[in-house]
N, C-alpha and C. Protein backbone atom coordinates (compact mmCIF):
# COMPACT_ATOMS: atom_id res chain seq x y z
N MET A 1 12.73 -2.13 -14.12
CA MET A 1 11.66 -1.36 -14.42
C MET A 1 10.93 -0.73 -15.94
N SER A 2 9.70 -0.61 -16.12
CA SER A 2 9.72 -0.40 -17.23
C SER A 2 9.38 1.53 -17.35
N PRO A 3 9.32 1.72 -18.37
CA PRO A 3 9.99 3.52 -18.76
C PRO A 3 8.86 3.97 -17.93
N ILE A 4 7.19 3.25 -17.97
CA ILE A 4 6.09 4.03 -17.44
C ILE A 4 6.09 4.12 -15.98
N ARG A 5 6.21 3.23 -15.85
CA ARG A 5 6.82 2.99 -14.26
C ARG A 5 7.64 3.78 -13.68
N SER A 6 9.02 3.97 -14.35
CA SER A 6 10.31 4.83 -13.95
C SER A 6 9.50 6.24 -13.84
N LEU A 7 8.98 6.35 -14.72
CA LEU A 7 7.93 7.73 -15.01
C LEU A 7 7.12 8.23 -13.69
N ALA A 8 6.23 7.22 -13.54
CA ALA A 8 5.16 7.67 -13.31
C ALA A 8 5.24 7.68 -11.65
N ARG A 9 6.38 6.73 -11.34
CA ARG A 9 6.31 6.77 -9.75
C ARG A 9 7.09 8.25 -8.94
N PRO A 10 7.84 9.22 -9.52
CA PRO A 10 8.15 10.56 -9.12
C PRO A 10 7.12 11.40 -9.64
N MET A 11 6.66 11.36 -10.81
CA MET A 11 5.46 11.93 -10.63
C MET A 11 4.57 11.75 -9.79
N MET A 12 3.84 10.82 -9.27
CA MET A 12 3.29 10.39 -8.32
C MET A 12 4.12 11.16 -6.82
N ALA A 13 4.88 11.07 -6.71
CA ALA A 13 5.60 11.06 -5.29
C ALA A 13 6.31 12.60 -5.32
N ALA A 14 6.14 13.40 -6.62
CA ALA A 14 6.24 14.60 -6.44
C ALA A 14 5.30 15.60 -5.15
N MET A 15 4.24 14.88 -5.34
CA MET A 15 3.29 15.94 -4.41
C MET A 15 3.79 15.64 -3.02
N PHE A 16 4.23 14.79 -2.69
CA PHE A 16 4.07 14.29 -1.35
C PHE A 16 4.97 14.75 -0.80
N VAL A 17 6.50 14.55 -1.80
CA VAL A 17 7.70 15.09 -1.24
C VAL A 17 7.96 16.90 -0.96
N THR A 18 7.06 17.50 -2.01
CA THR A 18 7.42 18.77 -1.93
C THR A 18 6.19 19.14 -0.62
N GLY A 19 4.80 18.22 -0.59
CA GLY A 19 4.00 18.90 0.61
C GLY A 19 4.74 18.33 1.91
N GLY A 20 5.44 17.68 1.97
CA GLY A 20 5.96 16.71 2.93
C GLY A 20 7.04 17.67 3.76
N ILE A 21 8.37 18.28 2.49
CA ILE A 21 8.80 19.60 3.11
C ILE A 21 8.43 21.03 3.45
N ASP A 22 7.00 21.46 2.83
CA ASP A 22 6.82 22.72 3.22
C ASP A 22 6.22 22.12 4.64
N ALA A 23 5.19 21.33 4.55
CA ALA A 23 4.79 20.84 6.13
C ALA A 23 6.02 20.62 7.33
N LEU A 24 6.76 20.22 7.26
CA LEU A 24 8.75 20.14 7.86
C LEU A 24 8.72 21.61 8.30
N ARG A 25 8.24 22.28 7.47
CA ARG A 25 8.98 23.69 7.28
C ARG A 25 7.45 24.60 7.98
N HIS A 26 6.60 24.41 8.24
CA HIS A 26 5.65 25.73 8.48
C HIS A 26 4.54 24.51 8.86
N PRO A 27 5.03 24.02 10.09
CA PRO A 27 3.76 22.96 10.43
C PRO A 27 2.73 23.94 11.37
N GLN A 28 2.86 25.07 11.05
CA GLN A 28 1.81 25.54 11.79
C GLN A 28 0.49 26.22 11.05
N ALA A 29 0.75 25.83 9.66
CA ALA A 29 -0.13 26.42 8.50
C ALA A 29 -1.44 25.17 8.75
N ARG A 30 -0.96 24.00 9.11
CA ARG A 30 -1.36 23.17 9.22
C ARG A 30 -2.42 22.47 10.32
N ALA A 31 -1.71 22.86 11.09
CA ALA A 31 -1.80 22.67 12.67
C ALA A 31 -3.43 23.35 12.86
N GLY A 32 -3.83 24.14 12.10
CA GLY A 32 -5.16 25.29 12.43
C GLY A 32 -6.15 23.65 12.36
N ALA A 33 -6.31 23.04 10.53
CA ALA A 33 -7.21 22.49 10.90
C ALA A 33 -7.00 21.28 11.67
N VAL A 34 -5.92 20.67 11.90
CA VAL A 34 -5.27 19.42 12.53
C VAL A 34 -7.13 19.90 14.15
N GLU A 35 -6.50 21.02 14.35
CA GLU A 35 -7.15 21.72 15.72
C GLU A 35 -8.35 21.44 15.42
N GLU A 36 -9.05 21.50 14.42
CA GLU A 36 -10.47 22.03 14.23
C GLU A 36 -11.01 20.80 14.15
N ALA A 37 -10.31 19.99 13.71
CA ALA A 37 -10.68 18.57 13.43
C ALA A 37 -10.79 17.96 14.68
N GLY A 38 -10.72 18.39 15.91
CA GLY A 38 -10.40 18.19 17.33
C GLY A 38 -9.22 17.20 17.92
N LEU A 39 -8.06 17.09 16.98
CA LEU A 39 -7.05 16.23 17.34
C LEU A 39 -5.85 17.33 18.85
N ASP A 40 -5.41 16.49 19.37
CA ASP A 40 -4.58 17.59 20.23
C ASP A 40 -3.46 17.31 19.67
N ASN A 41 -2.31 17.91 20.36
CA ASN A 41 -0.73 18.08 19.68
C ASN A 41 -1.07 18.56 18.12
N ALA A 42 -1.59 19.07 17.93
CA ALA A 42 -1.21 19.05 15.88
C ALA A 42 -0.56 19.21 15.61
N THR A 43 0.40 20.16 16.26
CA THR A 43 2.00 20.49 15.18
C THR A 43 2.76 19.11 15.11
N GLN A 44 2.84 18.50 16.46
CA GLN A 44 3.21 17.02 16.31
C GLN A 44 2.57 16.00 15.17
N LEU A 45 1.13 16.25 15.26
CA LEU A 45 0.55 15.50 14.29
C LEU A 45 1.08 15.55 12.74
N VAL A 46 1.26 17.31 12.47
CA VAL A 46 1.31 17.62 11.09
C VAL A 46 2.95 17.21 10.81
N ARG A 47 4.20 16.77 11.83
CA ARG A 47 5.08 16.87 11.53
C ARG A 47 5.40 15.64 11.16
N VAL A 48 4.76 14.59 11.99
CA VAL A 48 4.71 13.03 11.84
C VAL A 48 4.11 12.83 10.50
N ASN A 49 3.39 13.52 9.98
CA ASN A 49 2.23 13.18 8.88
C ASN A 49 3.69 13.18 7.76
N ALA A 50 4.02 14.41 7.94
CA ALA A 50 5.05 15.40 6.83
C ALA A 50 6.19 14.47 6.86
N GLY A 51 6.78 13.82 7.80
CA GLY A 51 8.11 12.83 7.81
C GLY A 51 7.73 12.35 7.21
N ALA A 52 6.20 11.44 7.06
CA ALA A 52 6.01 9.90 6.47
C ALA A 52 5.69 10.62 4.98
N MET A 53 5.57 11.49 4.78
CA MET A 53 4.84 11.68 2.97
C MET A 53 5.94 11.79 2.52
N LEU A 54 7.17 12.10 3.22
CA LEU A 54 8.61 12.54 3.05
C LEU A 54 9.46 11.45 2.27
N ALA A 55 9.47 10.72 3.63
CA ALA A 55 9.56 9.36 3.23
C ALA A 55 8.83 8.48 1.99
N GLY A 56 8.12 8.48 2.47
CA GLY A 56 7.21 7.56 1.52
C GLY A 56 7.64 8.00 -0.18
N GLY A 57 7.14 9.62 -0.02
CA GLY A 57 7.37 10.06 -1.55
C GLY A 57 9.05 9.62 -2.01
N LEU A 58 9.90 10.23 -1.28
CA LEU A 58 11.40 9.71 -1.64
C LEU A 58 11.55 8.14 -1.83
N GLY A 59 10.63 7.28 -0.78
CA GLY A 59 11.12 5.70 -1.44
C GLY A 59 10.20 5.60 -3.09
N LEU A 60 8.63 6.10 -2.98
CA LEU A 60 7.87 6.03 -4.29
C LEU A 60 8.63 6.17 -5.42
N ALA A 61 9.21 7.48 -5.28
CA ALA A 61 10.09 8.50 -6.30
C ALA A 61 11.61 7.70 -6.88
N THR A 62 12.26 6.98 -5.72
CA THR A 62 13.62 6.37 -6.25
C THR A 62 13.32 4.66 -6.68
N GLY A 63 11.83 4.71 -6.25
CA GLY A 63 12.04 3.00 -6.96
C GLY A 63 12.27 1.95 -5.41
N ARG A 64 12.59 2.37 -4.23
CA ARG A 64 12.89 1.52 -3.17
C ARG A 64 11.78 1.40 -2.59
N LEU A 65 11.31 0.09 -2.28
CA LEU A 65 10.59 -0.31 -1.67
C LEU A 65 8.95 0.45 -2.53
N PRO A 66 8.77 0.65 -3.31
CA PRO A 66 7.24 1.02 -4.19
C PRO A 66 6.50 0.84 -3.49
N ARG A 67 5.77 -0.52 -3.45
CA ARG A 67 5.22 -1.08 -2.87
C ARG A 67 4.54 -0.33 -1.29
N LEU A 68 5.35 -0.59 -0.82
CA LEU A 68 5.34 -0.23 1.11
C LEU A 68 5.30 1.28 1.00
N SER A 69 6.43 2.11 0.28
CA SER A 69 5.99 3.37 0.17
C SER A 69 4.69 4.40 -0.66
N ALA A 70 4.19 3.29 -1.11
CA ALA A 70 2.77 3.88 -1.48
C ALA A 70 1.89 3.35 -0.23
N LEU A 71 2.00 2.28 0.37
CA LEU A 71 0.74 1.59 1.51
C LEU A 71 0.90 3.21 2.73
N VAL A 72 2.26 3.70 2.86
CA VAL A 72 2.55 4.80 3.67
C VAL A 72 1.89 5.63 3.13
N LEU A 73 2.25 6.34 1.61
CA LEU A 73 1.35 7.55 1.29
C LEU A 73 -0.10 7.84 1.40
N ALA A 74 -0.64 6.37 0.69
CA ALA A 74 -1.89 6.06 1.40
C ALA A 74 -2.42 6.09 2.76
N GLY A 75 -1.72 5.99 3.28
CA GLY A 75 -2.33 6.08 4.66
C GLY A 75 -2.17 7.54 5.41
N THR A 76 -1.01 8.74 4.80
CA THR A 76 -0.91 9.71 5.30
C THR A 76 -1.65 10.57 4.75
N LEU A 77 -2.09 10.15 3.13
CA LEU A 77 -3.24 10.68 2.09
C LEU A 77 -4.77 10.66 3.20
N VAL A 78 -5.08 9.69 3.65
CA VAL A 78 -6.43 9.70 4.38
C VAL A 78 -6.46 11.05 5.21
N PRO A 79 -6.16 11.16 6.57
CA PRO A 79 -6.11 12.14 7.42
C PRO A 79 -6.37 13.41 6.62
N THR A 80 -5.31 13.46 5.85
CA THR A 80 -4.49 14.84 4.90
C THR A 80 -6.09 15.20 4.29
N THR A 81 -6.69 14.57 4.15
CA THR A 81 -7.62 14.62 2.84
C THR A 81 -8.86 14.93 3.79
N PHE A 82 -8.90 14.36 4.85
CA PHE A 82 -10.25 14.40 6.13
C PHE A 82 -10.27 15.92 6.40
N VAL A 83 -9.07 15.58 7.00
CA VAL A 83 -8.79 16.98 8.26
C VAL A 83 -8.54 18.15 6.83
N GLY A 84 -8.08 18.02 5.60
CA GLY A 84 -7.66 19.45 5.22
C GLY A 84 -8.45 19.67 4.16
N HIS A 85 -9.26 18.59 3.60
CA HIS A 85 -10.49 19.00 2.83
C HIS A 85 -11.92 18.84 3.03
N PRO A 86 -12.16 19.25 4.26
CA PRO A 86 -13.43 18.86 4.65
C PRO A 86 -14.80 19.87 3.65
N PHE A 87 -15.24 19.68 2.65
CA PHE A 87 -16.25 20.42 1.88
C PHE A 87 -17.55 20.27 2.15
N TRP A 88 -18.06 19.02 3.53
CA TRP A 88 -19.19 18.90 3.35
C TRP A 88 -19.42 20.56 5.09
N SER A 89 -18.62 20.31 5.89
CA SER A 89 -18.80 21.71 6.65
C SER A 89 -18.31 23.39 6.23
N GLU A 90 -18.30 23.37 4.70
CA GLU A 90 -18.40 24.71 4.10
C GLU A 90 -19.37 25.50 4.15
N LYS A 91 -19.53 26.33 4.42
CA LYS A 91 -20.93 27.08 4.05
C LYS A 91 -21.02 27.76 2.75
N ASP A 92 -19.80 28.66 2.44
CA ASP A 92 -19.75 29.44 1.18
C ASP A 92 -19.71 28.50 0.36
N LYS A 93 -20.08 28.81 -0.89
CA LYS A 93 -20.60 27.76 -1.97
C LYS A 93 -19.17 27.69 -2.58
N ALA A 94 -18.49 28.57 -3.28
CA ALA A 94 -17.26 28.84 -3.72
C ALA A 94 -16.23 27.80 -2.74
N ALA A 95 -16.04 28.09 -1.61
CA ALA A 95 -15.35 27.48 -0.86
C ALA A 95 -15.48 25.71 -0.73
N ARG A 96 -16.42 25.67 -0.76
CA ARG A 96 -17.44 24.06 -0.98
C ARG A 96 -16.41 23.19 -1.93
N LYS A 97 -16.66 24.54 -3.16
CA LYS A 97 -16.45 23.77 -4.45
C LYS A 97 -15.10 23.40 -4.55
N GLN A 98 -14.54 24.25 -4.10
CA GLN A 98 -12.67 24.29 -3.82
C GLN A 98 -12.18 23.00 -3.37
N GLN A 99 -12.94 22.92 -2.09
CA GLN A 99 -12.51 22.12 -1.14
C GLN A 99 -12.95 20.51 -1.69
N GLN A 100 -13.94 20.62 -2.44
CA GLN A 100 -14.64 19.15 -2.61
C GLN A 100 -13.96 19.04 -3.97
N ILE A 101 -13.24 19.41 -4.93
CA ILE A 101 -12.45 19.28 -5.79
C ILE A 101 -11.40 18.65 -5.41
N HIS A 102 -10.32 19.57 -4.11
CA HIS A 102 -9.41 19.01 -3.63
C HIS A 102 -9.69 17.65 -2.85
N PHE A 103 -10.83 17.62 -2.47
CA PHE A 103 -11.12 16.05 -1.77
C PHE A 103 -10.91 15.06 -2.79
N PHE A 104 -12.05 15.11 -3.61
CA PHE A 104 -12.03 14.10 -4.70
C PHE A 104 -10.49 14.27 -5.56
N LYS A 105 -9.72 15.20 -5.58
CA LYS A 105 -8.10 14.63 -6.32
C LYS A 105 -7.15 13.90 -5.40
N ASN A 106 -7.70 14.15 -4.38
CA ASN A 106 -7.04 13.30 -3.52
C ASN A 106 -7.63 11.90 -3.25
N LEU A 107 -8.70 11.68 -3.50
CA LEU A 107 -9.20 10.53 -3.90
C LEU A 107 -8.75 9.59 -4.52
N GLY A 108 -8.25 10.39 -5.97
CA GLY A 108 -7.77 9.81 -7.16
C GLY A 108 -6.31 9.24 -7.01
N MET A 109 -6.03 10.27 -6.47
CA MET A 109 -4.44 9.76 -5.53
C MET A 109 -4.74 8.88 -4.56
N LEU A 110 -4.72 8.46 -4.02
CA LEU A 110 -5.25 7.27 -3.03
C LEU A 110 -5.24 6.28 -3.86
N GLY A 111 -6.43 6.03 -4.79
CA GLY A 111 -6.81 5.13 -6.06
C GLY A 111 -5.69 4.51 -6.48
N GLY A 112 -4.59 5.67 -7.34
CA GLY A 112 -3.11 5.35 -7.56
C GLY A 112 -2.28 4.91 -6.92
N LEU A 113 -2.63 5.40 -5.59
CA LEU A 113 -1.59 5.06 -4.61
C LEU A 113 -1.50 3.06 -4.18
N LEU A 114 -3.06 2.35 -4.65
CA LEU A 114 -3.59 1.44 -3.89
C LEU A 114 -3.30 0.81 -5.22
N MET A 115 -3.19 0.95 -6.29
CA MET A 115 -2.68 0.66 -7.75
C MET A 115 -1.48 0.24 -7.65
N THR A 116 -0.40 1.68 -6.66
CA THR A 116 0.88 1.15 -7.01
C THR A 116 1.22 0.36 -6.12
N ALA A 117 0.44 0.11 -5.00
CA ALA A 117 1.06 -1.05 -4.40
C ALA A 117 0.74 -2.10 -4.32
N ALA A 118 0.03 -2.21 -5.57
CA ALA A 118 -0.79 -3.46 -5.80
C ALA A 118 0.36 -3.98 -7.15
N ASP A 119 1.21 -3.17 -7.36
CA ASP A 119 1.83 -3.39 -8.64
C ASP A 119 3.00 -4.34 -8.04
N THR A 120 2.88 -5.58 -9.06
CA THR A 120 4.18 -6.67 -8.92
C THR A 120 5.49 -5.98 -10.02
N GLY A 121 4.99 -5.47 -10.86
CA GLY A 121 6.26 -4.57 -11.60
C GLY A 121 6.13 -6.15 -12.42
N GLY A 122 5.41 -6.74 -13.32
CA GLY A 122 5.45 -8.00 -13.29
C GLY A 122 6.13 -9.45 -13.22
N ARG A 123 6.51 -9.26 -11.79
CA ARG A 123 6.85 -9.95 -10.73
C ARG A 123 5.58 -10.86 -10.24
N GLU A 124 5.55 -12.24 -9.62
CA GLU A 124 4.40 -12.74 -9.02
C GLU A 124 4.22 -12.23 -7.52
N SER A 125 2.90 -11.98 -7.63
CA SER A 125 2.47 -11.94 -6.59
C SER A 125 3.23 -12.37 -4.82
N ILE A 126 3.26 -12.03 -4.17
CA ILE A 126 3.12 -13.13 -2.64
C ILE A 126 1.58 -14.00 -2.57
N PRO A 127 0.64 -13.67 -2.38
CA PRO A 127 -0.46 -14.23 -2.68
C PRO A 127 -0.34 -15.66 -3.74
N HIS A 128 -0.08 -15.01 -4.34
CA HIS A 128 0.06 -15.64 -5.93
C HIS A 128 1.16 -17.09 -5.68
N ALA A 129 2.09 -16.74 -5.36
CA ALA A 129 3.27 -17.49 -4.89
C ALA A 129 2.88 -18.29 -3.77
N ALA A 130 2.75 -17.80 -3.26
CA ALA A 130 2.26 -19.01 -1.71
C ALA A 130 1.17 -19.43 -2.27
N GLY A 131 0.32 -19.16 -3.03
CA GLY A 131 -0.78 -20.49 -3.33
C GLY A 131 0.30 -21.62 -4.65
N ARG A 132 1.07 -21.19 -5.28
CA ARG A 132 1.76 -21.73 -6.10
C ARG A 132 2.46 -22.83 -5.48
N ILE A 133 3.25 -22.43 -4.64
CA ILE A 133 4.34 -23.11 -3.69
C ILE A 133 2.86 -24.06 -2.96
N SER A 134 2.28 -24.34 -2.39
CA SER A 134 1.11 -24.87 -1.29
C SER A 134 0.72 -26.09 -2.53
N ARG A 135 0.45 -25.12 -3.15
CA ARG A 135 -0.36 -26.37 -4.61
C ARG A 135 0.87 -27.59 -4.79
N ARG A 136 1.91 -26.91 -5.14
CA ARG A 136 2.71 -27.81 -5.44
C ARG A 136 3.30 -28.89 -4.24
N SER A 137 3.30 -28.43 -3.42
CA SER A 137 3.42 -29.20 -1.98
C SER A 137 2.31 -30.54 -1.95
N ALA A 138 1.46 -29.82 -2.09
CA ALA A 138 0.08 -31.00 -1.74
C ALA A 138 -0.05 -31.96 -2.52
N ASP A 139 0.80 -31.47 -4.32
CA ASP A 139 0.29 -32.02 -5.00
C ASP A 139 2.14 -33.21 -5.13
N LYS A 140 2.79 -32.96 -4.27
CA LYS A 140 4.08 -33.63 -4.29
C LYS A 140 3.88 -34.76 -3.09
N THR A 141 3.24 -34.07 -1.88
CA THR A 141 2.97 -34.83 -0.59
C THR A 141 1.95 -35.81 -1.27
N ALA A 142 0.93 -35.59 -1.87
CA ALA A 142 -0.59 -36.74 -2.28
C ALA A 142 0.71 -38.33 -3.29
N LYS A 143 1.40 -37.20 -3.94
CA LYS A 143 1.93 -38.51 -4.99
C LYS A 143 3.56 -39.31 -3.74
N ALA A 144 3.46 -38.65 -3.34
CA ALA A 144 4.44 -39.51 -2.06
C ALA A 144 3.72 -40.47 -1.46
N ALA A 145 2.62 -39.99 -0.98
CA ALA A 145 1.77 -41.22 -0.38
C ALA A 145 1.52 -42.16 -1.21
N ASP A 146 0.68 -41.55 -2.06
CA ASP A 146 0.35 -42.60 -3.16
C ASP A 146 0.95 -43.96 -3.32
N ARG A 147 2.42 -43.08 -3.46
CA ARG A 147 3.51 -43.97 -4.00
C ARG A 147 4.10 -45.25 -2.74
N ALA A 148 3.82 -44.55 -1.79
CA ALA A 148 4.28 -45.36 -0.34
C ALA A 148 2.84 -46.28 -0.22
N SER A 149 1.54 -45.91 -0.50
CA SER A 149 0.33 -46.92 -0.30
C SER A 149 1.24 -48.26 -0.91
N LYS A 150 0.90 -47.53 -2.15
CA LYS A 150 1.44 -48.80 -3.54
C LYS A 150 2.39 -49.74 -2.93
N LYS A 151 3.63 -48.96 -2.42
CA LYS A 151 4.57 -50.16 -2.19
C LYS A 151 4.17 -50.71 -1.17
N ALA A 152 3.29 -50.57 0.17
CA ALA A 152 2.98 -50.83 1.06
C ALA A 152 1.88 -52.32 1.03
N LYS A 153 1.37 -51.99 -0.52
CA LYS A 153 0.60 -53.18 -0.64
C LYS A 153 1.10 -54.27 -1.03
N ARG A 154 2.17 -53.73 -2.13
CA ARG A 154 3.27 -55.24 -2.61
C ARG A 154 3.89 -55.69 -1.53
N ALA A 155 4.12 -55.26 -0.93
CA ALA A 155 5.10 -55.76 0.22
C ALA A 155 4.03 -56.26 1.71
N GLY A 156 3.02 -56.21 1.55
CA GLY A 156 1.69 -56.74 2.29
C GLY A 156 1.56 -57.93 0.88
N LYS A 157 1.32 -58.34 0.16
CA LYS A 157 1.47 -59.31 -0.69
C LYS A 157 2.04 -60.30 -0.68
N ARG A 158 3.49 -59.67 -0.51
CA ARG A 158 4.79 -60.81 -0.54
C ARG A 158 4.74 -61.39 0.58
N LEU A 159 4.33 -60.69 2.01
CA LEU A 159 4.46 -61.30 3.43
C LEU A 159 3.39 -62.17 3.06
N SER A 160 2.44 -61.82 2.17
CA SER A 160 1.21 -62.98 2.48
C SER A 160 1.43 -64.46 1.94
N VAL A 161 2.23 -64.21 0.90
CA VAL A 161 2.87 -65.60 -0.04
C VAL A 161 3.79 -65.93 0.81
N VAL A 162 4.92 -65.56 1.20
CA VAL A 162 5.80 -66.32 2.33
C VAL A 162 5.30 -66.43 3.06
N GLY A 163 4.22 -65.98 3.83
CA GLY A 163 3.67 -67.15 5.39
C GLY A 163 2.95 -67.56 4.66
């Protein structure tokens, strides 16, 4: 793994690990916002989201399944951002500005997570590898069919000469 990836992944994961631990310890602090969003079982939803944040954050920080971990974290960040930072519903200008800052900070984190999920670490991506393999197979099949066709034509000529 490159030195940049070795440093960047734990840096990105730190927010999720600490946030996940805090939400598991104190789910009530976030459950109010979940209830205001009109969702049932707020405390349970906060705990599930926190567990996913913690697991994804640890996976990203340690480099174990980093692409999957980044996708999990992106999945936790979307509801967290919309429920936790609804700047559009704030009446107070200062509170609206703070929520807007956090909303767009999370949006930036989401972009980083999506880039991390797409990062192959210099290895070939699965779609690229699948395309390469299918093109190679198609080429081999076409060559084999061409050889078989030529062989059949030669065999046909011999039969007509003999008969």
